[in-house]
ModelCIF file with pLDDT and N, C-alpha, C, O atoms, coordinates in Angstrom:
data_MODEL
#
_entry.id   MODEL 
#
_entity.id                         1 
_entity.type                       polymer 
_entity.pdbx_number_of_molecules   1 
#
_entity_poly.entity_id                      1 
_entity_poly.type                           'polypeptide(L)' 
_entity_poly.nstd_linkage                   no 
_entity_poly.nstd_monomer                   no 
_entity_poly.pdbx_seq_one_letter_code       
;(UNK)(UNK)(UNK)(UNK)(UNK)(UNK)(UNK)(UNK)(UNK)(UNK)(UNK)(UNK)(UNK)(UNK)(UNK)(UNK)
(UNK)(UNK)(UNK)(UNK)(UNK)(UNK)(UNK)(UNK)(UNK)(UNK)(UNK)(UNK)(UNK)(UNK)(UNK)(UNK)
(UNK)(UNK)(UNK)(UNK)(UNK)(UNK)(UNK)(UNK)(UNK)(UNK)(UNK)(UNK)(UNK)(UNK)(UNK)(UNK)
;
_entity_poly.pdbx_seq_one_letter_code_can   XXXXXXXXXXXXXXXXXXXXXXXXXXXXXXXXXXXXXXXXXXXXXXXX 
_entity_poly.pdbx_strand_id                 A 
#
loop_
_entity_poly_seq.entity_id 
_entity_poly_seq.num 
_entity_poly_seq.mon_id 
_entity_poly_seq.hetero 
1 1  UNK n 
1 2  UNK n 
1 3  UNK n 
1 4  UNK n 
1 5  UNK n 
1 6  UNK n 
1 7  UNK n 
1 8  UNK n 
1 9  UNK n 
1 10 UNK n 
1 11 UNK n 
1 12 UNK n 
1 13 UNK n 
1 14 UNK n 
1 15 UNK n 
1 16 UNK n 
1 17 UNK n 
1 18 UNK n 
1 19 UNK n 
1 20 UNK n 
1 21 UNK n 
1 22 UNK n 
1 23 UNK n 
1 24 UNK n 
1 25 UNK n 
1 26 UNK n 
1 27 UNK n 
1 28 UNK n 
1 29 UNK n 
1 30 UNK n 
1 31 UNK n 
1 32 UNK n 
1 33 UNK n 
1 34 UNK n 
1 35 UNK n 
1 36 UNK n 
1 37 UNK n 
1 38 UNK n 
1 39 UNK n 
1 40 UNK n 
1 41 UNK n 
1 42 UNK n 
1 43 UNK n 
1 44 UNK n 
1 45 UNK n 
1 46 UNK n 
1 47 UNK n 
1 48 UNK n 
#
_struct_asym.id          A 
_struct_asym.entity_id   1 
#
loop_
_ma_qa_metric.id 
_ma_qa_metric.mode 
_ma_qa_metric.name 
_ma_qa_metric.software_group_id 
_ma_qa_metric.type 
1 global pLDDT . pLDDT 
2 local  pLDDT . pLDDT 
#
_ma_qa_metric_global.metric_id      1 
_ma_qa_metric_global.metric_value   97.31 
_ma_qa_metric_global.model_id       1 
_ma_qa_metric_global.ordinal_id     1 
#
loop_
_ma_qa_metric_local.label_asym_id 
_ma_qa_metric_local.label_comp_id 
_ma_qa_metric_local.label_seq_id 
_ma_qa_metric_local.metric_id 
_ma_qa_metric_local.metric_value 
_ma_qa_metric_local.model_id 
_ma_qa_metric_local.ordinal_id 
A UNK 1  2 97.00 1 1  
A UNK 2  2 97.00 1 2  
A UNK 3  2 97.00 1 3  
A UNK 4  2 97.00 1 4  
A UNK 5  2 98.00 1 5  
A UNK 6  2 98.00 1 6  
A UNK 7  2 98.00 1 7  
A UNK 8  2 98.00 1 8  
A UNK 9  2 98.00 1 9  
A UNK 10 2 98.00 1 10 
A UNK 11 2 98.00 1 11 
A UNK 12 2 98.00 1 12 
A UNK 13 2 98.00 1 13 
A UNK 14 2 97.00 1 14 
A UNK 15 2 98.00 1 15 
A UNK 16 2 97.00 1 16 
A UNK 17 2 96.00 1 17 
A UNK 18 2 96.00 1 18 
A UNK 19 2 97.00 1 19 
A UNK 20 2 95.00 1 20 
A UNK 21 2 94.00 1 21 
A UNK 22 2 96.00 1 22 
A UNK 23 2 94.00 1 23 
A UNK 24 2 96.00 1 24 
A UNK 25 2 97.00 1 25 
A UNK 26 2 97.00 1 26 
A UNK 27 2 97.00 1 27 
A UNK 28 2 98.00 1 28 
A UNK 29 2 97.00 1 29 
A UNK 30 2 98.00 1 30 
A UNK 31 2 98.00 1 31 
A UNK 32 2 98.00 1 32 
A UNK 33 2 98.00 1 33 
A UNK 34 2 98.00 1 34 
A UNK 35 2 98.00 1 35 
A UNK 36 2 98.00 1 36 
A UNK 37 2 98.00 1 37 
A UNK 38 2 98.00 1 38 
A UNK 39 2 98.00 1 39 
A UNK 40 2 98.00 1 40 
A UNK 41 2 98.00 1 41 
A UNK 42 2 98.00 1 42 
A UNK 43 2 98.00 1 43 
A UNK 44 2 97.00 1 44 
A UNK 45 2 98.00 1 45 
A UNK 46 2 97.00 1 46 
A UNK 47 2 98.00 1 47 
A UNK 48 2 97.00 1 48 
#
loop_
_atom_site.group_PDB 
_atom_site.id 
_atom_site.type_symbol 
_atom_site.label_atom_id 
_atom_site.label_alt_id 
_atom_site.label_comp_id 
_atom_site.label_asym_id 
_atom_site.label_entity_id 
_atom_site.label_seq_id 
_atom_site.pdbx_PDB_ins_code 
_atom_site.Cartn_x 
_atom_site.Cartn_y 
_atom_site.Cartn_z 
_atom_site.occupancy 
_atom_site.B_iso_or_equiv 
_atom_site.pdbx_formal_charge 
_atom_site.auth_seq_id 
_atom_site.auth_comp_id 
_atom_site.auth_asym_id 
_atom_site.auth_atom_id 
_atom_site.pdbx_PDB_model_num 
ATOM 1   N N  . UNK A 1 1  ? 188.791 41.421 -29.114 1.00 97.00 ? 1  UNK A N  1 
ATOM 2   C CA . UNK A 1 1  ? 188.809 42.855 -29.374 1.00 97.00 ? 1  UNK A CA 1 
ATOM 3   C C  . UNK A 1 1  ? 188.412 43.653 -28.132 1.00 97.00 ? 1  UNK A C  1 
ATOM 4   O O  . UNK A 1 1  ? 188.968 44.721 -27.876 1.00 97.00 ? 1  UNK A O  1 
ATOM 5   N N  . UNK A 1 2  ? 187.457 43.140 -27.366 1.00 97.00 ? 2  UNK A N  1 
ATOM 6   C CA . UNK A 1 2  ? 187.036 43.802 -26.133 1.00 97.00 ? 2  UNK A CA 1 
ATOM 7   C C  . UNK A 1 2  ? 188.200 43.959 -25.157 1.00 97.00 ? 2  UNK A C  1 
ATOM 8   O O  . UNK A 1 2  ? 188.304 44.966 -24.457 1.00 97.00 ? 2  UNK A O  1 
ATOM 9   N N  . UNK A 1 3  ? 189.068 42.960 -25.120 1.00 97.00 ? 3  UNK A N  1 
ATOM 10  C CA . UNK A 1 3  ? 190.216 43.006 -24.217 1.00 97.00 ? 3  UNK A CA 1 
ATOM 11  C C  . UNK A 1 3  ? 191.310 43.941 -24.713 1.00 97.00 ? 3  UNK A C  1 
ATOM 12  O O  . UNK A 1 3  ? 192.153 44.394 -23.938 1.00 97.00 ? 3  UNK A O  1 
ATOM 13  N N  . UNK A 1 4  ? 191.289 44.229 -26.028 1.00 97.00 ? 4  UNK A N  1 
ATOM 14  C CA . UNK A 1 4  ? 192.360 45.037 -26.617 1.00 97.00 ? 4  UNK A CA 1 
ATOM 15  C C  . UNK A 1 4  ? 192.046 46.522 -26.712 1.00 97.00 ? 4  UNK A C  1 
ATOM 16  O O  . UNK A 1 4  ? 192.959 47.342 -26.807 1.00 97.00 ? 4  UNK A O  1 
ATOM 17  N N  . UNK A 1 5  ? 190.751 46.883 -26.688 1.00 98.00 ? 5  UNK A N  1 
ATOM 18  C CA . UNK A 1 5  ? 190.407 48.289 -26.905 1.00 98.00 ? 5  UNK A CA 1 
ATOM 19  C C  . UNK A 1 5  ? 190.996 49.180 -25.817 1.00 98.00 ? 5  UNK A C  1 
ATOM 20  O O  . UNK A 1 5  ? 191.067 48.803 -24.648 1.00 98.00 ? 5  UNK A O  1 
ATOM 21  N N  . UNK A 1 6  ? 191.416 50.373 -26.235 1.00 98.00 ? 6  UNK A N  1 
ATOM 22  C CA . UNK A 1 6  ? 191.953 51.360 -25.315 1.00 98.00 ? 6  UNK A CA 1 
ATOM 23  C C  . UNK A 1 6  ? 191.019 52.573 -25.283 1.00 98.00 ? 6  UNK A C  1 
ATOM 24  O O  . UNK A 1 6  ? 190.650 53.088 -26.338 1.00 98.00 ? 6  UNK A O  1 
ATOM 25  N N  . UNK A 1 7  ? 190.633 53.034 -24.096 1.00 98.00 ? 7  UNK A N  1 
ATOM 26  C CA . UNK A 1 7  ? 189.686 54.142 -24.018 1.00 98.00 ? 7  UNK A CA 1 
ATOM 27  C C  . UNK A 1 7  ? 190.283 55.470 -24.479 1.00 98.00 ? 7  UNK A C  1 
ATOM 28  O O  . UNK A 1 7  ? 191.448 55.765 -24.214 1.00 98.00 ? 7  UNK A O  1 
ATOM 29  N N  . UNK A 1 8  ? 189.483 56.252 -25.160 1.00 98.00 ? 8  UNK A N  1 
ATOM 30  C CA . UNK A 1 8  ? 189.812 57.632 -25.515 1.00 98.00 ? 8  UNK A CA 1 
ATOM 31  C C  . UNK A 1 8  ? 188.986 58.518 -24.583 1.00 98.00 ? 8  UNK A C  1 
ATOM 32  O O  . UNK A 1 8  ? 187.757 58.443 -24.584 1.00 98.00 ? 8  UNK A O  1 
ATOM 33  N N  . UNK A 1 9  ? 189.652 59.352 -23.792 1.00 98.00 ? 9  UNK A N  1 
ATOM 34  C CA . UNK A 1 9  ? 188.964 60.089 -22.738 1.00 98.00 ? 9  UNK A CA 1 
ATOM 35  C C  . UNK A 1 9  ? 188.753 61.562 -23.075 1.00 98.00 ? 9  UNK A C  1 
ATOM 36  O O  . UNK A 1 9  ? 189.532 62.180 -23.801 1.00 98.00 ? 9  UNK A O  1 
ATOM 37  N N  . UNK A 1 10 ? 187.682 62.091 -22.526 1.00 98.00 ? 10 UNK A N  1 
ATOM 38  C CA . UNK A 1 10 ? 187.457 63.533 -22.472 1.00 98.00 ? 10 UNK A CA 1 
ATOM 39  C C  . UNK A 1 10 ? 187.550 63.937 -21.005 1.00 98.00 ? 10 UNK A C  1 
ATOM 40  O O  . UNK A 1 10 ? 186.919 63.334 -20.137 1.00 98.00 ? 10 UNK A O  1 
ATOM 41  N N  . UNK A 1 11 ? 188.349 64.966 -20.748 1.00 98.00 ? 11 UNK A N  1 
ATOM 42  C CA . UNK A 1 11 ? 188.608 65.395 -19.371 1.00 98.00 ? 11 UNK A CA 1 
ATOM 43  C C  . UNK A 1 11 ? 187.575 66.424 -18.912 1.00 98.00 ? 11 UNK A C  1 
ATOM 44  O O  . UNK A 1 11 ? 187.173 67.302 -19.675 1.00 98.00 ? 11 UNK A O  1 
ATOM 45  N N  . UNK A 1 12 ? 187.155 66.298 -17.650 1.00 98.00 ? 12 UNK A N  1 
ATOM 46  C CA . UNK A 1 12 ? 186.219 67.233 -17.048 1.00 98.00 ? 12 UNK A CA 1 
ATOM 47  C C  . UNK A 1 12 ? 186.785 67.722 -15.711 1.00 98.00 ? 12 UNK A C  1 
ATOM 48  O O  . UNK A 1 12 ? 187.430 66.971 -14.980 1.00 98.00 ? 12 UNK A O  1 
ATOM 49  N N  . UNK A 1 13 ? 186.534 68.967 -15.418 1.00 98.00 ? 13 UNK A N  1 
ATOM 50  C CA . UNK A 1 13 ? 186.920 69.497 -14.112 1.00 98.00 ? 13 UNK A CA 1 
ATOM 51  C C  . UNK A 1 13 ? 185.927 69.015 -13.060 1.00 98.00 ? 13 UNK A C  1 
ATOM 52  O O  . UNK A 1 13 ? 184.715 69.105 -13.254 1.00 98.00 ? 13 UNK A O  1 
ATOM 53  N N  . UNK A 1 14 ? 186.442 68.508 -11.958 1.00 97.00 ? 14 UNK A N  1 
ATOM 54  C CA . UNK A 1 14 ? 185.568 68.093 -10.868 1.00 97.00 ? 14 UNK A CA 1 
ATOM 55  C C  . UNK A 1 14 ? 184.919 69.286 -10.203 1.00 97.00 ? 14 UNK A C  1 
ATOM 56  O O  . UNK A 1 14 ? 185.315 70.424 -10.457 1.00 97.00 ? 14 UNK A O  1 
ATOM 57  N N  . UNK A 1 15 ? 183.928 69.051 -9.356  1.00 98.00 ? 15 UNK A N  1 
ATOM 58  C CA . UNK A 1 15 ? 183.201 70.147 -8.728  1.00 98.00 ? 15 UNK A CA 1 
ATOM 59  C C  . UNK A 1 15 ? 183.639 70.385 -7.295  1.00 98.00 ? 15 UNK A C  1 
ATOM 60  O O  . UNK A 1 15 ? 183.397 71.464 -6.756  1.00 98.00 ? 15 UNK A O  1 
ATOM 61  N N  . UNK A 1 16 ? 184.286 69.394 -6.654  1.00 97.00 ? 16 UNK A N  1 
ATOM 62  C CA . UNK A 1 16 ? 184.867 69.543 -5.318  1.00 97.00 ? 16 UNK A CA 1 
ATOM 63  C C  . UNK A 1 16 ? 183.893 70.218 -4.347  1.00 97.00 ? 16 UNK A C  1 
ATOM 64  O O  . UNK A 1 16 ? 184.303 70.986 -3.477  1.00 97.00 ? 16 UNK A O  1 
ATOM 65  N N  . UNK A 1 17 ? 182.643 69.933 -4.502  1.00 96.00 ? 17 UNK A N  1 
ATOM 66  C CA . UNK A 1 17 ? 181.594 70.424 -3.609  1.00 96.00 ? 17 UNK A CA 1 
ATOM 67  C C  . UNK A 1 17 ? 180.657 69.271 -3.279  1.00 96.00 ? 17 UNK A C  1 
ATOM 68  O O  . UNK A 1 17 ? 180.520 68.332 -4.063  1.00 96.00 ? 17 UNK A O  1 
ATOM 69  N N  . UNK A 1 18 ? 180.018 69.343 -2.129  1.00 96.00 ? 18 UNK A N  1 
ATOM 70  C CA . UNK A 1 18 ? 179.122 68.285 -1.692  1.00 96.00 ? 18 UNK A CA 1 
ATOM 71  C C  . UNK A 1 18 ? 177.822 68.306 -2.505  1.00 96.00 ? 18 UNK A C  1 
ATOM 72  O O  . UNK A 1 18 ? 177.142 69.329 -2.585  1.00 96.00 ? 18 UNK A O  1 
ATOM 73  N N  . UNK A 1 19 ? 177.490 67.154 -3.108  1.00 97.00 ? 19 UNK A N  1 
ATOM 74  C CA . UNK A 1 19 ? 176.201 67.006 -3.789  1.00 97.00 ? 19 UNK A CA 1 
ATOM 75  C C  . UNK A 1 19 ? 175.265 66.071 -3.028  1.00 97.00 ? 19 UNK A C  1 
ATOM 76  O O  . UNK A 1 19 ? 174.078 65.996 -3.344  1.00 97.00 ? 19 UNK A O  1 
ATOM 77  N N  . UNK A 1 20 ? 175.784 65.361 -2.035  1.00 95.00 ? 20 UNK A N  1 
ATOM 78  C CA . UNK A 1 20 ? 174.970 64.412 -1.284  1.00 95.00 ? 20 UNK A CA 1 
ATOM 79  C C  . UNK A 1 20 ? 173.766 65.105 -0.655  1.00 95.00 ? 20 UNK A C  1 
ATOM 80  O O  . UNK A 1 20 ? 173.897 66.096 0.063   1.00 95.00 ? 20 UNK A O  1 
ATOM 81  N N  . UNK A 1 21 ? 172.592 64.555 -0.946  1.00 94.00 ? 21 UNK A N  1 
ATOM 82  C CA . UNK A 1 21 ? 171.373 65.098 -0.367  1.00 94.00 ? 21 UNK A CA 1 
ATOM 83  C C  . UNK A 1 21 ? 170.681 66.159 -1.197  1.00 94.00 ? 21 UNK A C  1 
ATOM 84  O O  . UNK A 1 21 ? 169.564 66.559 -0.869  1.00 94.00 ? 21 UNK A O  1 
ATOM 85  N N  . UNK A 1 22 ? 171.315 66.629 -2.267  1.00 96.00 ? 22 UNK A N  1 
ATOM 86  C CA . UNK A 1 22 ? 170.699 67.648 -3.123  1.00 96.00 ? 22 UNK A CA 1 
ATOM 87  C C  . UNK A 1 22 ? 169.496 67.050 -3.856  1.00 96.00 ? 22 UNK A C  1 
ATOM 88  O O  . UNK A 1 22 ? 169.581 65.939 -4.380  1.00 96.00 ? 22 UNK A O  1 
ATOM 89  N N  . UNK A 1 23 ? 168.397 67.766 -3.896  1.00 94.00 ? 23 UNK A N  1 
ATOM 90  C CA . UNK A 1 23 ? 167.204 67.282 -4.597  1.00 94.00 ? 23 UNK A CA 1 
ATOM 91  C C  . UNK A 1 23 ? 166.636 68.289 -5.597  1.00 94.00 ? 23 UNK A C  1 
ATOM 92  O O  . UNK A 1 23 ? 165.491 68.157 -6.029  1.00 94.00 ? 23 UNK A O  1 
ATOM 93  N N  . UNK A 1 24 ? 167.427 69.284 -5.960  1.00 96.00 ? 24 UNK A N  1 
ATOM 94  C CA . UNK A 1 24 ? 167.035 70.254 -6.982  1.00 96.00 ? 24 UNK A CA 1 
ATOM 95  C C  . UNK A 1 24 ? 168.175 70.454 -7.970  1.00 96.00 ? 24 UNK A C  1 
ATOM 96  O O  . UNK A 1 24 ? 169.333 70.590 -7.575  1.00 96.00 ? 24 UNK A O  1 
ATOM 97  N N  . UNK A 1 25 ? 167.841 70.469 -9.256  1.00 97.00 ? 25 UNK A N  1 
ATOM 98  C CA . UNK A 1 25 ? 168.854 70.666 -10.303 1.00 97.00 ? 25 UNK A CA 1 
ATOM 99  C C  . UNK A 1 25 ? 169.625 71.969 -10.092 1.00 97.00 ? 25 UNK A C  1 
ATOM 100 O O  . UNK A 1 25 ? 170.842 72.013 -10.267 1.00 97.00 ? 25 UNK A O  1 
ATOM 101 N N  . UNK A 1 26 ? 168.919 73.007 -9.724  1.00 97.00 ? 26 UNK A N  1 
ATOM 102 C CA . UNK A 1 26 ? 169.530 74.319 -9.558  1.00 97.00 ? 26 UNK A CA 1 
ATOM 103 C C  . UNK A 1 26 ? 170.607 74.331 -8.483  1.00 97.00 ? 26 UNK A C  1 
ATOM 104 O O  . UNK A 1 26 ? 171.508 75.169 -8.512  1.00 97.00 ? 26 UNK A O  1 
ATOM 105 N N  . UNK A 1 27 ? 170.517 73.409 -7.540  1.00 97.00 ? 27 UNK A N  1 
ATOM 106 C CA . UNK A 1 27 ? 171.454 73.385 -6.416  1.00 97.00 ? 27 UNK A CA 1 
ATOM 107 C C  . UNK A 1 27 ? 172.758 72.640 -6.734  1.00 97.00 ? 27 UNK A C  1 
ATOM 108 O O  . UNK A 1 27 ? 173.704 72.695 -5.949  1.00 97.00 ? 27 UNK A O  1 
ATOM 109 N N  . UNK A 1 28 ? 172.815 71.955 -7.861  1.00 98.00 ? 28 UNK A N  1 
ATOM 110 C CA . UNK A 1 28 ? 174.026 71.224 -8.227  1.00 98.00 ? 28 UNK A CA 1 
ATOM 111 C C  . UNK A 1 28 ? 175.138 72.185 -8.620  1.00 98.00 ? 28 UNK A C  1 
ATOM 112 O O  . UNK A 1 28 ? 174.862 73.227 -9.215  1.00 98.00 ? 28 UNK A O  1 
ATOM 113 N N  . UNK A 1 29 ? 176.397 71.859 -8.301  1.00 97.00 ? 29 UNK A N  1 
ATOM 114 C CA . UNK A 1 29 ? 177.523 72.672 -8.772  1.00 97.00 ? 29 UNK A CA 1 
ATOM 115 C C  . UNK A 1 29 ? 177.551 72.711 -10.300 1.00 97.00 ? 29 UNK A C  1 
ATOM 116 O O  . UNK A 1 29 ? 177.123 71.762 -10.956 1.00 97.00 ? 29 UNK A O  1 
ATOM 117 N N  . UNK A 1 30 ? 178.054 73.808 -10.864 1.00 98.00 ? 30 UNK A N  1 
ATOM 118 C CA . UNK A 1 30 ? 178.063 73.971 -12.320 1.00 98.00 ? 30 UNK A CA 1 
ATOM 119 C C  . UNK A 1 30 ? 178.838 72.863 -13.032 1.00 98.00 ? 30 UNK A C  1 
ATOM 120 O O  . UNK A 1 30 ? 178.414 72.381 -14.083 1.00 98.00 ? 30 UNK A O  1 
ATOM 121 N N  . UNK A 1 31 ? 179.965 72.465 -12.463 1.00 98.00 ? 31 UNK A N  1 
ATOM 122 C CA . UNK A 1 31 ? 180.759 71.415 -13.102 1.00 98.00 ? 31 UNK A CA 1 
ATOM 123 C C  . UNK A 1 31 ? 180.043 70.064 -13.085 1.00 98.00 ? 31 UNK A C  1 
ATOM 124 O O  . UNK A 1 31 ? 180.213 69.256 -13.998 1.00 98.00 ? 31 UNK A O  1 
ATOM 125 N N  . UNK A 1 32 ? 179.247 69.823 -12.053 1.00 98.00 ? 32 UNK A N  1 
ATOM 126 C CA . UNK A 1 32 ? 178.439 68.601 -12.004 1.00 98.00 ? 32 UNK A CA 1 
ATOM 127 C C  . UNK A 1 32 ? 177.375 68.645 -13.106 1.00 98.00 ? 32 UNK A C  1 
ATOM 128 O O  . UNK A 1 32 ? 177.106 67.633 -13.753 1.00 98.00 ? 32 UNK A O  1 
ATOM 129 N N  . UNK A 1 33 ? 176.774 69.818 -13.316 1.00 98.00 ? 33 UNK A N  1 
ATOM 130 C CA . UNK A 1 33 ? 175.782 69.985 -14.381 1.00 98.00 ? 33 UNK A CA 1 
ATOM 131 C C  . UNK A 1 33 ? 176.407 69.725 -15.753 1.00 98.00 ? 33 UNK A C  1 
ATOM 132 O O  . UNK A 1 33 ? 175.797 69.080 -16.606 1.00 98.00 ? 33 UNK A O  1 
ATOM 133 N N  . UNK A 1 34 ? 177.628 70.231 -15.961 1.00 98.00 ? 34 UNK A N  1 
ATOM 134 C CA . UNK A 1 34 ? 178.320 70.023 -17.237 1.00 98.00 ? 34 UNK A CA 1 
ATOM 135 C C  . UNK A 1 34 ? 178.588 68.536 -17.484 1.00 98.00 ? 34 UNK A C  1 
ATOM 136 O O  . UNK A 1 34 ? 178.415 68.038 -18.596 1.00 98.00 ? 34 UNK A O  1 
ATOM 137 N N  . UNK A 1 35 ? 179.011 67.840 -16.429 1.00 98.00 ? 35 UNK A N  1 
ATOM 138 C CA . UNK A 1 35 ? 179.292 66.409 -16.508 1.00 98.00 ? 35 UNK A CA 1 
ATOM 139 C C  . UNK A 1 35 ? 178.022 65.643 -16.897 1.00 98.00 ? 35 UNK A C  1 
ATOM 140 O O  . UNK A 1 35 ? 178.050 64.778 -17.772 1.00 98.00 ? 35 UNK A O  1 
ATOM 141 N N  . UNK A 1 36 ? 176.929 65.969 -16.244 1.00 98.00 ? 36 UNK A N  1 
ATOM 142 C CA . UNK A 1 36 ? 175.647 65.286 -16.484 1.00 98.00 ? 36 UNK A CA 1 
ATOM 143 C C  . UNK A 1 36 ? 175.105 65.607 -17.871 1.00 98.00 ? 36 UNK A C  1 
ATOM 144 O O  . UNK A 1 36 ? 174.618 64.717 -18.568 1.00 98.00 ? 36 UNK A O  1 
ATOM 145 N N  . UNK A 1 37 ? 175.185 66.875 -18.275 1.00 98.00 ? 37 UNK A N  1 
ATOM 146 C CA . UNK A 1 37 ? 174.687 67.276 -19.593 1.00 98.00 ? 37 UNK A CA 1 
ATOM 147 C C  . UNK A 1 37 ? 175.451 66.570 -20.708 1.00 98.00 ? 37 UNK A C  1 
ATOM 148 O O  . UNK A 1 37 ? 174.878 66.212 -21.738 1.00 98.00 ? 37 UNK A O  1 
ATOM 149 N N  . UNK A 1 38 ? 176.757 66.372 -20.491 1.00 98.00 ? 38 UNK A N  1 
ATOM 150 C CA . UNK A 1 38 ? 177.542 65.678 -21.514 1.00 98.00 ? 38 UNK A CA 1 
ATOM 151 C C  . UNK A 1 38 ? 177.064 64.242 -21.672 1.00 98.00 ? 38 UNK A C  1 
ATOM 152 O O  . UNK A 1 38 ? 176.929 63.752 -22.793 1.00 98.00 ? 38 UNK A O  1 
ATOM 153 N N  . UNK A 1 39 ? 176.808 63.566 -20.561 1.00 98.00 ? 39 UNK A N  1 
ATOM 154 C CA . UNK A 1 39 ? 176.294 62.198 -20.631 1.00 98.00 ? 39 UNK A CA 1 
ATOM 155 C C  . UNK A 1 39 ? 174.987 62.162 -21.414 1.00 98.00 ? 39 UNK A C  1 
ATOM 156 O O  . UNK A 1 39 ? 174.792 61.297 -22.268 1.00 98.00 ? 39 UNK A O  1 
ATOM 157 N N  . UNK A 1 40 ? 174.093 63.105 -21.120 1.00 98.00 ? 40 UNK A N  1 
ATOM 158 C CA . UNK A 1 40 ? 172.809 63.181 -21.831 1.00 98.00 ? 40 UNK A CA 1 
ATOM 159 C C  . UNK A 1 40 ? 173.019 63.382 -23.331 1.00 98.00 ? 40 UNK A C  1 
ATOM 160 O O  . UNK A 1 40 ? 172.425 62.671 -24.142 1.00 98.00 ? 40 UNK A O  1 
ATOM 161 N N  . UNK A 1 41 ? 173.849 64.333 -23.698 1.00 98.00 ? 41 UNK A N  1 
ATOM 162 C CA . UNK A 1 41 ? 174.060 64.665 -25.114 1.00 98.00 ? 41 UNK A CA 1 
ATOM 163 C C  . UNK A 1 41 ? 174.768 63.539 -25.853 1.00 98.00 ? 41 UNK A C  1 
ATOM 164 O O  . UNK A 1 41 ? 174.401 63.212 -26.982 1.00 98.00 ? 41 UNK A O  1 
ATOM 165 N N  . UNK A 1 42 ? 175.775 62.944 -25.230 1.00 98.00 ? 42 UNK A N  1 
ATOM 166 C CA . UNK A 1 42 ? 176.533 61.885 -25.897 1.00 98.00 ? 42 UNK A CA 1 
ATOM 167 C C  . UNK A 1 42 ? 175.667 60.653 -26.111 1.00 98.00 ? 42 UNK A C  1 
ATOM 168 O O  . UNK A 1 42 ? 175.672 60.070 -27.195 1.00 98.00 ? 42 UNK A O  1 
ATOM 169 N N  . UNK A 1 43 ? 174.926 60.255 -25.089 1.00 98.00 ? 43 UNK A N  1 
ATOM 170 C CA . UNK A 1 43 ? 174.106 59.043 -25.180 1.00 98.00 ? 43 UNK A CA 1 
ATOM 171 C C  . UNK A 1 43 ? 172.816 59.267 -25.959 1.00 98.00 ? 43 UNK A C  1 
ATOM 172 O O  . UNK A 1 43 ? 172.193 58.314 -26.427 1.00 98.00 ? 43 UNK A O  1 
ATOM 173 N N  . UNK A 1 44 ? 172.416 60.529 -26.096 1.00 97.00 ? 44 UNK A N  1 
ATOM 174 C CA . UNK A 1 44 ? 171.199 60.832 -26.837 1.00 97.00 ? 44 UNK A CA 1 
ATOM 175 C C  . UNK A 1 44 ? 169.931 60.425 -26.107 1.00 97.00 ? 44 UNK A C  1 
ATOM 176 O O  . UNK A 1 44 ? 168.907 60.142 -26.729 1.00 97.00 ? 44 UNK A O  1 
ATOM 177 N N  . UNK A 1 45 ? 170.009 60.397 -24.773 1.00 98.00 ? 45 UNK A N  1 
ATOM 178 C CA . UNK A 1 45 ? 168.864 60.008 -23.954 1.00 98.00 ? 45 UNK A CA 1 
ATOM 179 C C  . UNK A 1 45 ? 168.681 61.041 -22.838 1.00 98.00 ? 45 UNK A C  1 
ATOM 180 O O  . UNK A 1 45 ? 169.653 61.473 -22.217 1.00 98.00 ? 45 UNK A O  1 
ATOM 181 N N  . UNK A 1 46 ? 167.445 61.425 -22.592 1.00 97.00 ? 46 UNK A N  1 
ATOM 182 C CA . UNK A 1 46 ? 167.151 62.391 -21.541 1.00 97.00 ? 46 UNK A CA 1 
ATOM 183 C C  . UNK A 1 46 ? 167.510 61.854 -20.162 1.00 97.00 ? 46 UNK A C  1 
ATOM 184 O O  . UNK A 1 46 ? 167.399 60.655 -19.905 1.00 97.00 ? 46 UNK A O  1 
ATOM 185 N N  . UNK A 1 47 ? 167.936 62.737 -19.288 1.00 98.00 ? 47 UNK A N  1 
ATOM 186 C CA . UNK A 1 47 ? 168.146 62.380 -17.887 1.00 98.00 ? 47 UNK A CA 1 
ATOM 187 C C  . UNK A 1 47 ? 166.815 62.568 -17.168 1.00 98.00 ? 47 UNK A C  1 
ATOM 188 O O  . UNK A 1 47 ? 166.303 63.684 -17.083 1.00 98.00 ? 47 UNK A O  1 
ATOM 189 N N  . UNK A 1 48 ? 166.258 61.482 -16.652 1.00 97.00 ? 48 UNK A N  1 
ATOM 190 C CA . UNK A 1 48 ? 164.959 61.572 -15.983 1.00 97.00 ? 48 UNK A CA 1 
ATOM 191 C C  . UNK A 1 48 ? 165.097 61.870 -14.492 1.00 97.00 ? 48 UNK A C  1 
ATOM 192 O O  . UNK A 1 48 ? 164.093 61.977 -13.788 1.00 97.00 ? 48 UNK A O  1 
#
């Protein structure tokens, strides 16, 4: 079954901005924040 499953995707807009070296949440591009928040909400676990 693992070999047969097909992924169902949700599409996100990329941020096309440099995040390398950023060390503050406020400095992240908005689309990067949306991507990260979705992971947190879907998995039900806080991002530390």
